C-alpha atoms as a PDB file:
ATOM      1  CA  MET A   1     128.645 -49.572  88.598  1.00  0.00           C
ATOM      2  CA  THR A   2     130.603 -46.727  90.164  1.00  0.00           C
ATOM      3  CA  GLY A   3     131.822 -48.638  93.184  1.00  0.00           C
ATOM      4  CA  LYS A   4     130.040 -46.242  95.523  1.00  0.00           C
ATOM      5  CA  VAL A   5     128.692 -48.775  98.024  1.00  0.00           C
ATOM      6  CA  PRO A   6     131.237 -48.196 100.839  1.00  0.00           C
ATOM      7  CA  VAL A   7     130.876 -44.417 100.782  1.00  0.00           C
ATOM      8  CA  ILE A   8     127.105 -44.466 100.585  1.00  0.00           C
ATOM      9  CA  TYR A   9     126.757 -47.197 103.193  1.00  0.00           C
ATOM     10  CA  GLN A  10     128.985 -45.507 105.725  1.00  0.00           C
ATOM     11  CA  LEU A  11     127.589 -42.037 105.199  1.00  0.00           C
ATOM     12  CA  SER A  12     124.031 -43.318 105.363  1.00  0.00           C
ATOM     13  CA  LEU A  13     124.695 -44.448 108.928  1.00  0.00           C
ATOM     14  CA  HIS A  14     125.035 -40.767 109.852  1.00  0.00           C
ATOM     15  CA  SER A  15     122.065 -39.406 107.965  1.00  0.00           C
ATOM     16  CA  ASN A  16     118.349 -39.936 107.588  1.00  0.00           C
ATOM     17  CA  SER A  17     118.536 -38.886 103.952  1.00  0.00           C
ATOM     18  CA  TYR A  18     119.718 -41.684 101.672  1.00  0.00           C
ATOM     19  CA  PRO A  19     118.909 -39.707  98.470  1.00  0.00           C
ATOM     20  CA  ASP A  20     121.151 -36.870  99.649  1.00  0.00           C
ATOM     21  CA  ILE A  21     123.954 -39.327 100.414  1.00  0.00           C
ATOM     22  CA  GLU A  22     123.532 -41.015  97.046  1.00  0.00           C
ATOM     23  CA  CYS A  23     123.839 -37.692  95.243  1.00  0.00           C
ATOM     24  CA  LEU A  24     126.881 -36.648  97.279  1.00  0.00           C
ATOM     25  CA  ALA A  25     128.591 -39.961  96.593  1.00  0.00           C
ATOM     26  CA  LEU A  26     127.833 -39.704  92.892  1.00  0.00           C
ATOM     27  CA  GLN A  27     129.437 -36.266  92.833  1.00  0.00           C
ATOM     28  CA  HIS A  28     132.551 -37.086  94.846  1.00  0.00           C
ATOM     29  CA  ASN A  29     133.335 -40.762  94.331  1.00  0.00           C
ATOM     30  CA  PRO A  30     133.841 -40.699  90.535  1.00  0.00           C
ATOM     31  CA  ALA A  31     136.886 -38.454  90.808  1.00  0.00           C
ATOM     32  CA  PHE A  32     138.519 -41.168  92.925  1.00  0.00           C
ATOM     33  CA  ASN A  33     137.292 -44.219  91.012  1.00  0.00           C
ATOM     34  CA  ALA A  34     137.615 -42.919  87.452  1.00  0.00           C
ATOM     35  CA  ILE A  35     141.325 -43.699  87.519  1.00  0.00           C
ATOM     36  CA  ALA A  36     140.499 -47.408  87.720  1.00  0.00           C
ATOM     37  CA  SER A  37     137.924 -47.470  84.929  1.00  0.00           C
ATOM     38  CA  PRO A  38     137.675 -44.180  83.039  1.00  0.00           C
ATOM     39  CA  GLU A  39     135.547 -45.613  80.235  1.00  0.00           C
ATOM     40  CA  ARG A  40     132.732 -46.309  82.722  1.00  0.00           C
ATOM     41  CA  PHE A  41     132.675 -42.678  83.724  1.00  0.00           C
ATOM     42  CA  VAL A  42     132.689 -41.462  80.134  1.00  0.00           C
ATOM     43  CA  ASP A  43     129.627 -43.684  79.646  1.00  0.00           C
ATOM     44  CA  ILE A  44     128.029 -42.045  82.688  1.00  0.00           C
ATOM     45  CA  ALA A  45     128.646 -38.617  81.156  1.00  0.00           C
ATOM     46  CA  LYS A  46     126.949 -39.723  77.951  1.00  0.00           C
ATOM     47  CA  ALA A  47     124.042 -41.202  79.924  1.00  0.00           C
ATOM     48  CA  MET A  48     123.675 -37.834  81.667  1.00  0.00           C
ATOM     49  CA  GLY A  49     123.236 -36.225  78.256  1.00  0.00           C
ATOM     50  CA  VAL A  50     126.725 -34.760  77.936  1.00  0.00           C
ATOM     51  CA  ASP A  51     127.921 -34.410  74.349  1.00  0.00           C
ATOM     52  CA  THR A  52     131.454 -35.744  74.700  1.00  0.00           C
ATOM     53  CA  THR A  53     132.368 -35.090  71.077  1.00  0.00           C
ATOM     54  CA  GLY A  54     135.803 -33.500  70.986  1.00  0.00           C
ATOM     55  CA  MET A  55     136.461 -34.150  74.679  1.00  0.00           C
ATOM     56  CA  ASN A  56     139.278 -36.263  76.013  1.00  0.00           C
ATOM     57  CA  GLN A  57     138.485 -38.778  78.785  1.00  0.00           C
ATOM     58  CA  GLU A  58     139.293 -36.396  81.603  1.00  0.00           C
ATOM     59  CA  GLN A  59     137.104 -33.656  80.172  1.00  0.00           C
ATOM     60  CA  ALA A  60     134.222 -36.088  79.592  1.00  0.00           C
ATOM     61  CA  ILE A  61     134.503 -37.436  83.144  1.00  0.00           C
ATOM     62  CA  ASP A  62     134.563 -33.912  84.584  1.00  0.00           C
ATOM     63  CA  ALA A  63     131.554 -32.938  82.476  1.00  0.00           C
ATOM     64  CA  GLY A  64     129.667 -36.017  83.667  1.00  0.00           C
ATOM     65  CA  ILE A  65     130.427 -35.241  87.296  1.00  0.00           C
ATOM     66  CA  GLN A  66     129.249 -31.668  86.738  1.00  0.00           C
ATOM     67  CA  ALA A  67     126.040 -32.950  85.116  1.00  0.00           C
ATOM     68  CA  ILE A  68     125.383 -35.077  88.211  1.00  0.00           C
ATOM     69  CA  ALA A  69     126.036 -32.064  90.463  1.00  0.00           C
ATOM     70  CA  ASP A  70     123.719 -29.901  88.363  1.00  0.00           C
ATOM     71  CA  LEU A  71     120.934 -32.493  88.568  1.00  0.00           C
ATOM     72  CA  SER A  72     121.447 -32.807  92.316  1.00  0.00           C
ATOM     73  CA  THR A  73     121.083 -29.045  92.699  1.00  0.00           C
ATOM     74  CA  LYS A  74     118.036 -28.996  90.445  1.00  0.00           C
ATOM     75  CA  VAL A  75     116.195 -31.628  92.479  1.00  0.00           C
ATOM     76  CA  GLY A  76     117.186 -30.033  95.776  1.00  0.00           C
ATOM     77  CA  THR A  77     119.349 -32.647  97.470  1.00  0.00           C
ATOM     78  CA  ALA A  78     121.960 -31.629 100.022  1.00  0.00           C
ATOM     79  CA  GLN A  79     125.190 -30.413  98.485  1.00  0.00           C
ATOM     80  CA  ARG A  80     127.460 -30.800 101.527  1.00  0.00           C
ATOM     81  CA  LEU A  81     127.709 -33.299 104.375  1.00  0.00           C
ATOM     82  CA  GLY A  82     127.530 -30.443 106.826  1.00  0.00           C
ATOM     83  CA  GLU A  83     123.963 -29.851 105.701  1.00  0.00           C
ATOM     84  CA  LEU A  84     123.218 -33.359 106.991  1.00  0.00           C
ATOM     85  CA  GLY A  85     124.863 -32.814 110.367  1.00  0.00           C
ATOM     86  CA  VAL A  86     128.163 -34.587 109.681  1.00  0.00           C
ATOM     87  CA  LYS A  87     131.089 -32.964 111.527  1.00  0.00           C
ATOM     88  CA  GLU A  88     134.823 -33.015 110.758  1.00  0.00           C
ATOM     89  CA  ASP A  89     135.615 -34.894 113.971  1.00  0.00           C
ATOM     90  CA  LYS A  90     133.628 -37.932 112.757  1.00  0.00           C
ATOM     91  CA  LEU A  91     135.388 -38.356 109.400  1.00  0.00           C
ATOM     92  CA  ALA A  92     138.242 -40.642 110.534  1.00  0.00           C
ATOM     93  CA  PHE A  93     135.799 -42.863 112.443  1.00  0.00           C
ATOM     94  CA  MET A  94     133.490 -43.054 109.428  1.00  0.00           C
ATOM     95  CA  ALA A  95     136.404 -43.780 107.091  1.00  0.00           C
ATOM     96  CA  GLN A  96     137.700 -46.580 109.312  1.00  0.00           C
ATOM     97  CA  ASN A  97     134.236 -48.116 109.400  1.00  0.00           C
ATOM     98  CA  ALA A  98     134.043 -47.896 105.617  1.00  0.00           C
ATOM     99  CA  LEU A  99     137.376 -49.722 105.338  1.00  0.00           C
ATOM    100  CA  ASN A 100     136.161 -52.405 107.738  1.00  0.00           C
ATOM    101  CA  ASN A 101     132.959 -52.902 105.760  1.00  0.00           C
ATOM    102  CA  ALA A 102     132.945 -55.894 103.391  1.00  0.00           C
ATOM    103  CA  CYS A 103     131.472 -53.651 100.681  1.00  0.00           C
ATOM    104  CA  SER A 104     134.820 -51.886 100.396  1.00  0.00           C
ATOM    105  CA  LEU A 105     136.066 -54.991  98.578  1.00  0.00           C
ATOM    106  CA  THR A 106     133.799 -54.143  95.639  1.00  0.00           C
ATOM    107  CA  ASN A 107     135.096 -50.612  95.130  1.00  0.00           C
ATOM    108  CA  LEU A 108     136.867 -50.030  91.815  1.00  0.00           C
ATOM    109  CA  ARG A 109     140.004 -48.858  93.619  1.00  0.00           C
ATOM    110  CA  LYS A 110     141.460 -49.885  96.942  1.00  0.00           C
ATOM    111  CA  ALA A 111     141.306 -46.851  99.199  1.00  0.00           C
ATOM    112  CA  SER A 112     143.458 -45.984 102.180  1.00  0.00           C
ATOM    113  CA  LEU A 113     142.066 -44.454 105.342  1.00  0.00           C
ATOM    114  CA  GLU A 114     143.542 -41.103 104.331  1.00  0.00           C
ATOM    115  CA  GLU A 115     141.949 -41.261 100.887  1.00  0.00           C
ATOM    116  CA  ILE A 116     138.513 -42.005 102.310  1.00  0.00           C
ATOM    117  CA  VAL A 117     138.859 -39.187 104.846  1.00  0.00           C
ATOM    118  CA  ALA A 118     139.806 -36.873 101.950  1.00  0.00           C
ATOM    119  CA  ILE A 119     136.722 -37.944  99.980  1.00  0.00           C
ATOM    120  CA  TYR A 120     134.508 -37.301 103.000  1.00  0.00           C
ATOM    121  CA  ARG A 121     136.243 -33.981 103.698  1.00  0.00           C
ATOM    122  CA  SER A 122     135.602 -32.900 100.096  1.00  0.00           C
ATOM    123  CA  CYS A 123     131.904 -33.450 100.815  1.00  0.00           C
ATOM    124  CA  LEU A 124     131.857 -31.289 103.947  1.00  0.00           C
END
């Protein structure tokens, strides 16, 4: 639903912890993909128990992302890629592999190499 397959797939190649990767992707990918389908991310906020009454779309999306981050912290998953051993010097390689992966075709937004590197960097 969130178009997270390319990020999760590529990051999972560099980690033994799929749940950690899933949580990181759910925290960082929505900010990129929400532009393409904001109503989906408002629905996610509501599903996470966020009362979106009185919020505009951007506020609801931000609150949903924060609810995901809070749940991730509560259950103890990694909060940064560095905790999983990912280093800055691997980001461009990982991003290029994500672009080359057929799953990138299903993402809600077409991403450039630089945008994927920025998403990964925000997770470091």
